[in-house]
């Protein structure tokens, strides 16, 4: 009932897997100043994590975003054909040569991939030594579990045993807890399966701002002028982000052939 009351009027009742909904969400992000500032912050963090040097950067799930404004020459992609996307691809079968990419970036995409192991194998193959996978993803905390379970439309199963999901739909299929499962709960398993990938950074963040922005599917709950206030509030509880964080910046670096980072 609460989700229906707070639903954004432009997306209420729409099929989330329809490419037209993704295009509409791009318009929503641009029209909500509070939300747009969140994306700008995320994009600065992602761009700042990338390796320098040779090689292209691929964005998976470009969708409603504008990360290309922050990474010159970014290759944008999506699982289906949509506006302002260069390539249609599946993250489990990347059409790039071995060692040809210096970076793979994504925003709220990993938890939609049905078989994350397949994606990580492909990403490892395509990245050059020193290349980076940088992502912003939902994250598990006591606070986020409460919010994702009761106020968010996507499934959130921290107890899931698999690194993926069997749900149909490129966007409706998801498990928001997957990034936490792989890079926190199952970290030792990840390191055994992917010794070439070093977990360089996992930073839980943003417990309140995305929530009060309404995201792309809900109405804005706070005016844009309050953004600095919420930013200071979150900075004040930075040491407690494992309890409060709703998202995380995750950075993986491909080791060189000798095994150093």
Protein backbone atom coordinates (compact mmCIF):
# COMPACT_ATOMS: atom_id res chain seq x y z
CA UNK A 1 0.00 0.00 0.00
CA UNK A 2 2.77 2.44 0.96
CA UNK A 3 4.72 1.65 -2.22
CA UNK A 4 1.62 2.38 -4.30
CA UNK A 5 1.03 5.69 -2.54
CA UNK A 6 4.64 6.80 -3.05
CA UNK A 7 4.95 5.56 -6.64
CA UNK A 8 6.08 8.15 -9.17
CA UNK A 9 3.05 9.05 -11.34
CA UNK A 10 5.02 8.60 -14.58
CA UNK A 11 6.01 5.00 -13.84
CA UNK A 12 3.01 3.74 -11.86
CA UNK A 13 1.69 0.57 -13.47
CA UNK A 14 4.37 0.37 -16.18
CA UNK A 15 6.22 -2.82 -17.08
CA UNK A 16 9.72 -2.43 -15.65
CA UNK A 17 11.12 -4.72 -18.37
CA UNK A 18 9.78 -2.54 -21.18
CA UNK A 19 12.61 -0.49 -22.79
CA UNK A 20 10.21 2.46 -22.88
CA UNK A 21 10.22 2.45 -19.07
CA UNK A 22 14.02 2.73 -19.05
CA UNK A 23 13.82 5.71 -21.41
CA UNK A 24 11.22 7.31 -19.15
CA UNK A 25 13.43 6.78 -16.13
CA UNK A 26 16.21 8.70 -17.84
CA UNK A 27 13.81 11.64 -18.05
CA UNK A 28 12.90 11.20 -14.39
CA UNK A 29 16.53 11.26 -13.24
CA UNK A 30 17.17 14.47 -15.18
CA UNK A 31 14.00 16.09 -13.80
CA UNK A 32 14.69 15.36 -10.09
CA UNK A 33 17.55 17.62 -8.90
CA UNK A 34 18.04 15.72 -5.63
CA UNK A 35 18.29 12.37 -7.43
CA UNK A 36 20.50 13.75 -10.19
CA UNK A 37 23.03 14.96 -7.62
CA UNK A 38 23.18 11.43 -6.22
CA UNK A 39 23.97 10.00 -9.64
CA UNK A 40 26.60 12.69 -10.17
CA UNK A 41 28.28 11.69 -6.91
CA UNK A 42 28.15 8.00 -7.82
CA UNK A 43 29.61 8.71 -11.25
CA UNK A 44 32.48 10.74 -9.83
CA UNK A 45 33.33 7.84 -7.52
CA UNK A 46 33.22 5.32 -10.36
CA UNK A 47 35.28 7.48 -12.73
CA UNK A 48 37.82 8.14 -9.99
CA UNK A 49 38.33 4.41 -9.44
CA UNK A 50 39.33 3.66 -13.03
CA UNK A 51 42.84 2.74 -14.06
CA UNK A 52 44.79 5.11 -16.27
CA UNK A 53 46.45 4.12 -19.51
CA UNK A 54 45.37 2.22 -22.59
CA UNK A 55 42.11 0.39 -23.19
CA UNK A 56 38.44 1.24 -23.54
CA UNK A 57 35.92 1.45 -20.72
CA UNK A 58 32.64 -0.47 -21.00
CA UNK A 59 29.49 0.44 -19.11
CA UNK A 60 27.05 -2.42 -18.61
CA UNK A 61 23.41 -1.44 -18.15
CA UNK A 62 23.71 2.19 -19.23
CA UNK A 63 19.93 2.47 -19.23
CA UNK A 64 18.66 5.69 -17.70
CA UNK A 65 22.08 7.02 -16.74
CA UNK A 66 24.58 9.60 -18.00
CA UNK A 67 27.93 8.17 -16.92
CA UNK A 68 29.34 9.00 -20.37
CA UNK A 69 29.41 12.64 -19.20
CA UNK A 70 32.12 11.62 -16.71
CA UNK A 71 34.14 9.05 -18.69
CA UNK A 72 35.23 10.24 -22.16
CA UNK A 73 34.83 7.61 -24.87
CA UNK A 74 32.73 5.35 -22.66
CA UNK A 75 31.18 2.39 -24.50
CA UNK A 76 27.55 2.30 -23.37
CA UNK A 77 25.53 -0.93 -23.45
CA UNK A 78 22.22 -2.41 -22.38
CA UNK A 79 20.52 -5.79 -22.40
CA UNK A 80 17.93 -4.46 -24.86
CA UNK A 81 17.88 -1.75 -27.49
CA UNK A 82 17.23 1.64 -25.98
CA UNK A 83 17.95 5.27 -26.70
CA UNK A 84 21.53 6.58 -26.50
CA UNK A 85 23.04 3.11 -26.02
CA UNK A 86 25.76 1.97 -28.39
CA UNK A 87 25.72 -1.82 -27.96
CA UNK A 88 23.15 -4.44 -26.99
CA UNK A 89 24.87 -7.20 -25.02
CA UNK A 90 24.57 -9.73 -22.23
CA UNK A 91 27.12 -9.36 -19.44
CA UNK A 92 27.64 -13.12 -19.49
CA UNK A 93 29.03 -13.01 -23.06
CA UNK A 94 31.08 -9.87 -23.62
CA UNK A 95 32.02 -9.26 -27.29
CA UNK A 96 35.51 -7.92 -26.58
CA UNK A 97 38.99 -9.32 -27.09
CA UNK A 98 41.10 -10.66 -24.25
CA UNK A 99 42.79 -7.87 -22.30
CA UNK A 100 41.19 -5.13 -24.39
CA UNK A 101 39.41 -3.16 -21.64
CA UNK A 102 40.90 -1.00 -18.92
CA UNK A 103 37.60 -0.76 -17.12
CA UNK A 104 34.08 -2.15 -16.74
CA UNK A 105 31.62 0.05 -14.89
CA UNK A 106 28.01 -0.26 -13.79
CA UNK A 107 25.43 1.35 -11.56
CA UNK A 108 22.86 -0.91 -9.90
CA UNK A 109 23.35 -3.67 -12.47
CA UNK A 110 25.30 -6.59 -10.96
CA UNK A 111 22.38 -7.72 -8.81
CA UNK A 112 20.26 -8.15 -11.97
CA UNK A 113 22.68 -10.57 -13.67
CA UNK A 114 21.25 -14.13 -13.47
CA UNK A 115 24.68 -15.81 -13.32
CA UNK A 116 27.24 -13.49 -11.78
CA UNK A 117 30.00 -16.11 -11.98
CA UNK A 118 29.69 -16.09 -15.79
CA UNK A 119 29.96 -12.30 -15.85
CA UNK A 120 33.03 -12.28 -13.61
CA UNK A 121 34.76 -14.83 -15.85
CA UNK A 122 34.03 -12.70 -18.91
CA UNK A 123 35.13 -9.51 -17.18
CA UNK A 124 38.38 -11.12 -16.05
CA UNK A 125 39.08 -12.23 -19.61
CA UNK A 126 38.39 -8.83 -21.16
CA UNK A 127 40.26 -6.68 -18.64
CA UNK A 128 43.92 -5.88 -19.08
CA UNK A 129 46.29 -6.25 -16.14
CA UNK A 130 45.57 -3.39 -13.76
CA UNK A 131 42.11 -2.95 -15.24
CA UNK A 132 39.21 -2.22 -12.93
CA UNK A 133 35.61 -3.23 -12.38
CA UNK A 134 33.91 -0.36 -10.54
CA UNK A 135 30.29 -0.44 -9.48
CA UNK A 136 27.67 1.12 -7.24
CA UNK A 137 25.33 -1.57 -5.94
CA UNK A 138 22.71 -2.14 -3.24
CA UNK A 139 24.26 -3.34 0.01
CA UNK A 140 23.10 -5.32 3.00
CA UNK A 141 22.88 -3.75 6.45
CA UNK A 142 20.23 -4.01 9.19
CA UNK A 143 18.79 -0.69 7.98
CA UNK A 144 18.91 -1.49 4.26
CA UNK A 145 17.28 -4.87 4.75
CA UNK A 146 14.31 -3.17 6.39
CA UNK A 147 13.99 -0.66 3.55
CA UNK A 148 14.62 -3.04 0.63
CA UNK A 149 12.24 -5.63 2.03
CA UNK A 150 9.32 -3.28 2.67
CA UNK A 151 9.70 -0.27 0.38
CA UNK A 152 11.53 -1.51 -2.71
CA UNK A 153 10.08 -3.39 -5.67
CA UNK A 154 13.11 -5.65 -6.23
CA UNK A 155 13.68 -8.94 -4.37
CA UNK A 156 16.24 -8.84 -1.56
CA UNK A 157 17.42 -12.23 -0.26
CA UNK A 158 20.61 -12.14 1.86
CA UNK A 159 20.15 -15.85 2.64
CA UNK A 160 20.33 -16.91 -1.01
CA UNK A 161 22.85 -19.65 -1.68
CA UNK A 162 23.50 -18.90 -5.34
CA UNK A 163 25.38 -16.02 -6.95
CA UNK A 164 22.48 -15.17 -9.18
CA UNK A 165 18.75 -15.64 -9.50
CA UNK A 166 16.25 -17.58 -11.57
CA UNK A 167 13.72 -14.76 -11.89
CA UNK A 168 12.66 -13.78 -15.39
CA UNK A 169 12.90 -10.29 -16.82
CA UNK A 170 16.09 -8.29 -17.52
CA UNK A 171 15.21 -5.68 -14.90
CA UNK A 172 12.52 -7.29 -12.77
CA UNK A 173 14.78 -10.31 -12.21
CA UNK A 174 17.14 -9.46 -9.36
CA UNK A 175 18.43 -10.11 -5.89
CA UNK A 176 19.51 -6.83 -4.34
CA UNK A 177 21.62 -8.65 -1.75
CA UNK A 178 23.89 -10.31 -4.35
CA UNK A 179 26.77 -7.78 -4.16
CA UNK A 180 26.94 -8.18 -0.37
CA UNK A 181 26.70 -11.97 -0.69
CA UNK A 182 29.61 -12.15 -3.13
CA UNK A 183 31.97 -9.51 -1.77
CA UNK A 184 31.22 -9.79 1.96
CA UNK A 185 29.47 -12.99 3.04
CA UNK A 186 31.20 -15.21 0.45
CA UNK A 187 34.38 -13.13 0.14
CA UNK A 188 36.68 -16.12 0.78
CA UNK A 189 34.91 -18.14 -1.91
CA UNK A 190 35.20 -15.25 -4.36
CA UNK A 191 38.93 -14.96 -3.72
CA UNK A 192 39.41 -18.68 -4.35
CA UNK A 193 37.36 -18.68 -7.56
CA UNK A 194 38.80 -15.43 -8.95
CA UNK A 195 42.40 -15.10 -7.78
CA UNK A 196 43.07 -12.67 -10.65
CA UNK A 197 40.62 -10.16 -9.21
CA UNK A 198 41.63 -8.23 -6.12
CA UNK A 199 38.87 -6.61 -4.05
CA UNK A 200 40.47 -3.17 -3.84
CA UNK A 201 37.61 -1.33 -2.20
CA UNK A 202 34.23 -1.98 -0.61
CA UNK A 203 32.69 1.17 0.82
CA UNK A 204 29.13 1.05 2.21
CA UNK A 205 27.42 4.39 1.79
CA UNK A 206 24.32 6.51 1.40
CA UNK A 207 21.82 5.27 3.99
CA UNK A 208 19.29 8.08 3.55
CA UNK A 209 19.76 10.28 0.49
CA UNK A 210 18.62 7.83 -2.17
CA UNK A 211 15.64 6.88 -0.03
CA UNK A 212 14.43 10.45 0.47
CA UNK A 213 15.11 11.28 -3.19
CA UNK A 214 12.44 8.75 -4.12
CA UNK A 215 14.81 7.11 -6.61
CA UNK A 216 13.51 6.51 -10.11
CA UNK A 217 10.27 4.81 -9.09
CA UNK A 218 8.95 6.95 -6.22
CA UNK A 219 8.02 10.56 -5.64
CA UNK A 220 10.66 12.91 -4.26
CA UNK A 221 10.30 13.04 -0.48
CA UNK A 222 12.63 15.99 0.18
CA UNK A 223 13.27 19.24 -1.72
CA UNK A 224 16.61 19.65 -3.50
CA UNK A 225 17.79 22.39 -1.13
CA UNK A 226 18.01 19.82 1.70
CA UNK A 227 20.65 17.77 -0.16
CA UNK A 228 23.62 19.30 1.75
CA UNK A 229 21.84 18.68 5.07
CA UNK A 230 21.39 14.98 4.31
CA UNK A 231 24.98 14.79 3.06
CA UNK A 232 26.29 16.16 6.37
CA UNK A 233 24.03 13.78 8.30
CA UNK A 234 25.46 10.80 6.45
CA UNK A 235 29.01 12.06 6.93
CA UNK A 236 28.34 12.21 10.65
CA UNK A 237 27.58 8.48 10.83
CA UNK A 238 30.27 7.34 8.38
CA UNK A 239 31.86 5.01 10.93
CA UNK A 240 28.56 3.17 11.30
CA UNK A 241 27.94 2.50 7.61
CA UNK A 242 28.02 -1.28 8.16
CA UNK A 243 24.82 -0.76 10.14
CA UNK A 244 23.20 1.92 7.98
CA UNK A 245 24.57 1.76 4.42
CA UNK A 246 22.08 1.06 1.63
CA UNK A 247 24.61 1.03 -1.23
CA UNK A 248 28.29 0.32 -1.68
CA UNK A 249 31.09 1.33 -4.01
CA UNK A 250 32.85 -1.89 -5.00
CA UNK A 251 36.15 -1.81 -6.90
CA UNK A 252 37.90 -4.92 -8.25
CA UNK A 253 41.35 -4.77 -9.84
CA UNK A 254 42.81 -7.38 -12.19
CA UNK A 255 46.19 -8.48 -10.96
CA UNK A 256 49.17 -8.65 -13.27
CA UNK A 257 50.33 -12.10 -14.49
CA UNK A 258 52.85 -12.32 -11.65
CA UNK A 259 50.00 -12.05 -9.16
CA UNK A 260 50.70 -8.59 -7.80
CA UNK A 261 47.92 -5.99 -7.65
